[in-house]
């Protein structure tokens, strides 16, 4: 997505599609539909924080395909919705990474 389209998402609560994969050591844990907070939208990347695990993710704008608003925040609440990605996020014990969809894990 373009920077101007993402600018209004700062402070939003989002869920990722596809959902992130979490690994404990080398073993994959069951997937969770975690909530992430858009902490900042920069010139080239969006900074997200996983609300459950506190992992921080810098995601280039080109990795975000679409924003689907579930609640617009018109009542003063922060917007909530889905970020559709063309990458898959991987959470590790003390790190976070992402790989293009369809790549071997």
C-alpha atoms as a PDB file:
ATOM      1  CA  UNK A   1       0.000   0.000   0.000  1.00  0.00           C
ATOM      2  CA  UNK A   2       1.076   3.577  -0.463  1.00  0.00           C
ATOM      3  CA  UNK A   3       2.326   5.656   2.456  1.00  0.00           C
ATOM      4  CA  UNK A   4      -0.592   8.081   2.241  1.00  0.00           C
ATOM      5  CA  UNK A   5      -3.062   5.187   2.554  1.00  0.00           C
ATOM      6  CA  UNK A   6      -1.296   3.871   5.649  1.00  0.00           C
ATOM      7  CA  UNK A   7      -0.841   7.197   7.468  1.00  0.00           C
ATOM      8  CA  UNK A   8      -4.248   7.060   9.142  1.00  0.00           C
ATOM      9  CA  UNK A   9      -3.514   3.676  10.715  1.00  0.00           C
ATOM     10  CA  UNK A  10      -1.159   4.937  13.445  1.00  0.00           C
ATOM     11  CA  UNK A  11      -2.679   3.798  16.748  1.00  0.00           C
ATOM     12  CA  UNK A  12      -4.969   1.235  15.091  1.00  0.00           C
ATOM     13  CA  UNK A  13      -5.435  -2.267  16.471  1.00  0.00           C
ATOM     14  CA  UNK A  14      -5.035  -4.854  13.714  1.00  0.00           C
ATOM     15  CA  UNK A  15      -4.960  -8.581  13.162  1.00  0.00           C
ATOM     16  CA  UNK A  16      -2.719  -9.990  10.453  1.00  0.00           C
ATOM     17  CA  UNK A  17      -3.748 -12.094   7.476  1.00  0.00           C
ATOM     18  CA  UNK A  18      -2.207 -14.554   7.199  1.00  0.00           C
ATOM     19  CA  UNK A  19      -1.860 -14.971  10.962  1.00  0.00           C
ATOM     20  CA  UNK A  20       1.691 -15.059  12.302  1.00  0.00           C
ATOM     21  CA  UNK A  21       3.464 -18.359  12.930  1.00  0.00           C
ATOM     22  CA  UNK A  22       5.093 -18.750  16.337  1.00  0.00           C
ATOM     23  CA  UNK A  23       8.070 -20.963  17.087  1.00  0.00           C
ATOM     24  CA  UNK A  24       9.303 -22.130  20.483  1.00  0.00           C
ATOM     25  CA  UNK A  25      12.830 -23.251  19.745  1.00  0.00           C
ATOM     26  CA  UNK A  26      12.411 -25.126  16.457  1.00  0.00           C
ATOM     27  CA  UNK A  27       8.879 -26.334  17.238  1.00  0.00           C
ATOM     28  CA  UNK A  28       5.919 -24.476  15.787  1.00  0.00           C
ATOM     29  CA  UNK A  29       3.272 -23.530  18.351  1.00  0.00           C
ATOM     30  CA  UNK A  30      -0.440 -23.383  17.510  1.00  0.00           C
ATOM     31  CA  UNK A  31      -1.330 -20.212  15.634  1.00  0.00           C
ATOM     32  CA  UNK A  32      -3.049 -17.393  17.512  1.00  0.00           C
ATOM     33  CA  UNK A  33      -5.015 -14.559  16.006  1.00  0.00           C
ATOM     34  CA  UNK A  34      -3.036 -11.951  17.940  1.00  0.00           C
ATOM     35  CA  UNK A  35      -3.854  -8.298  18.006  1.00  0.00           C
ATOM     36  CA  UNK A  36      -1.105  -5.936  16.887  1.00  0.00           C
ATOM     37  CA  UNK A  37      -0.939  -2.181  17.421  1.00  0.00           C
ATOM     38  CA  UNK A  38       0.271   0.116  14.654  1.00  0.00           C
ATOM     39  CA  UNK A  39       2.813   2.160  16.589  1.00  0.00           C
ATOM     40  CA  UNK A  40       4.040   4.306  13.717  1.00  0.00           C
ATOM     41  CA  UNK A  41       3.828   4.721   9.973  1.00  0.00           C
ATOM     42  CA  UNK A  42       7.110   5.924   8.518  1.00  0.00           C
ATOM     43  CA  UNK A  43       8.113   6.890   5.023  1.00  0.00           C
ATOM     44  CA  UNK A  44       9.009   3.306   4.081  1.00  0.00           C
ATOM     45  CA  UNK A  45       7.683   1.018   6.833  1.00  0.00           C
ATOM     46  CA  UNK A  46       4.961   0.380   9.354  1.00  0.00           C
ATOM     47  CA  UNK A  47       6.003  -0.431  12.942  1.00  0.00           C
ATOM     48  CA  UNK A  48       3.738  -2.970  14.654  1.00  0.00           C
ATOM     49  CA  UNK A  49       3.786  -4.286  18.232  1.00  0.00           C
ATOM     50  CA  UNK A  50       2.244  -7.634  19.133  1.00  0.00           C
ATOM     51  CA  UNK A  51      -0.042  -6.895  22.089  1.00  0.00           C
ATOM     52  CA  UNK A  52       0.404 -10.355  23.631  1.00  0.00           C
ATOM     53  CA  UNK A  53       4.133 -10.991  23.170  1.00  0.00           C
ATOM     54  CA  UNK A  54       5.460  -7.415  22.720  1.00  0.00           C
ATOM     55  CA  UNK A  55       7.384  -8.434  19.565  1.00  0.00           C
ATOM     56  CA  UNK A  56       8.177  -5.394  17.402  1.00  0.00           C
ATOM     57  CA  UNK A  57       7.952  -5.673  13.615  1.00  0.00           C
ATOM     58  CA  UNK A  58       9.109  -3.174  10.984  1.00  0.00           C
ATOM     59  CA  UNK A  59       7.152  -4.063   7.870  1.00  0.00           C
ATOM     60  CA  UNK A  60       7.891  -2.336   4.537  1.00  0.00           C
ATOM     61  CA  UNK A  61       4.811  -0.739   2.985  1.00  0.00           C
ATOM     62  CA  UNK A  62       4.995  -3.024  -0.058  1.00  0.00           C
ATOM     63  CA  UNK A  63       4.259  -6.001   2.250  1.00  0.00           C
ATOM     64  CA  UNK A  64       0.814  -4.602   3.101  1.00  0.00           C
ATOM     65  CA  UNK A  65      -1.736  -5.486   0.435  1.00  0.00           C
ATOM     66  CA  UNK A  66      -4.921  -4.202   2.020  1.00  0.00           C
ATOM     67  CA  UNK A  67      -6.477  -2.696   5.146  1.00  0.00           C
ATOM     68  CA  UNK A  68      -9.945  -4.010   6.004  1.00  0.00           C
ATOM     69  CA  UNK A  69     -11.651  -1.825   8.580  1.00  0.00           C
ATOM     70  CA  UNK A  70     -13.838  -3.664  11.093  1.00  0.00           C
ATOM     71  CA  UNK A  71     -14.514  -0.604  13.261  1.00  0.00           C
ATOM     72  CA  UNK A  72     -13.814   2.852  11.944  1.00  0.00           C
ATOM     73  CA  UNK A  73     -13.196   4.655  15.208  1.00  0.00           C
ATOM     74  CA  UNK A  74     -15.830   7.248  14.373  1.00  0.00           C
ATOM     75  CA  UNK A  75     -16.938   7.237  18.016  1.00  0.00           C
ATOM     76  CA  UNK A  76     -13.472   8.339  19.156  1.00  0.00           C
ATOM     77  CA  UNK A  77     -12.166   4.789  19.618  1.00  0.00           C
ATOM     78  CA  UNK A  78      -9.075   3.700  17.726  1.00  0.00           C
ATOM     79  CA  UNK A  79      -9.737   1.905  14.433  1.00  0.00           C
ATOM     80  CA  UNK A  80      -9.704  -1.900  14.378  1.00  0.00           C
ATOM     81  CA  UNK A  81      -9.325  -4.166  11.406  1.00  0.00           C
ATOM     82  CA  UNK A  82      -7.261  -6.576   9.360  1.00  0.00           C
ATOM     83  CA  UNK A  83      -3.946  -6.025   7.592  1.00  0.00           C
ATOM     84  CA  UNK A  84      -3.718  -8.343   4.603  1.00  0.00           C
ATOM     85  CA  UNK A  85      -0.066  -9.089   3.856  1.00  0.00           C
ATOM     86  CA  UNK A  86       1.899 -10.656   1.020  1.00  0.00           C
ATOM     87  CA  UNK A  87       4.334 -12.043   3.607  1.00  0.00           C
ATOM     88  CA  UNK A  88       4.087 -14.438   6.525  1.00  0.00           C
ATOM     89  CA  UNK A  89       5.292 -13.204   9.927  1.00  0.00           C
ATOM     90  CA  UNK A  90       7.359 -15.579  12.070  1.00  0.00           C
ATOM     91  CA  UNK A  91       7.632 -15.031  15.830  1.00  0.00           C
ATOM     92  CA  UNK A  92      10.582 -16.572  17.673  1.00  0.00           C
ATOM     93  CA  UNK A  93      11.489 -16.487  21.363  1.00  0.00           C
ATOM     94  CA  UNK A  94      13.358 -13.189  21.079  1.00  0.00           C
ATOM     95  CA  UNK A  95      13.022 -12.196  17.426  1.00  0.00           C
ATOM     96  CA  UNK A  96      10.535 -11.590  14.644  1.00  0.00           C
ATOM     97  CA  UNK A  97      10.961 -12.022  10.904  1.00  0.00           C
ATOM     98  CA  UNK A  98       8.863 -12.255   7.762  1.00  0.00           C
ATOM     99  CA  UNK A  99       9.100 -14.245   4.543  1.00  0.00           C
ATOM    100  CA  UNK A 100       7.274 -13.888   1.227  1.00  0.00           C
ATOM    101  CA  UNK A 101       4.172 -16.072   0.935  1.00  0.00           C
ATOM    102  CA  UNK A 102       4.945 -19.340  -0.756  1.00  0.00           C
ATOM    103  CA  UNK A 103       8.580 -19.405   0.414  1.00  0.00           C
ATOM    104  CA  UNK A 104       9.912 -22.517   2.139  1.00  0.00           C
ATOM    105  CA  UNK A 105       9.988 -21.950   5.933  1.00  0.00           C
END
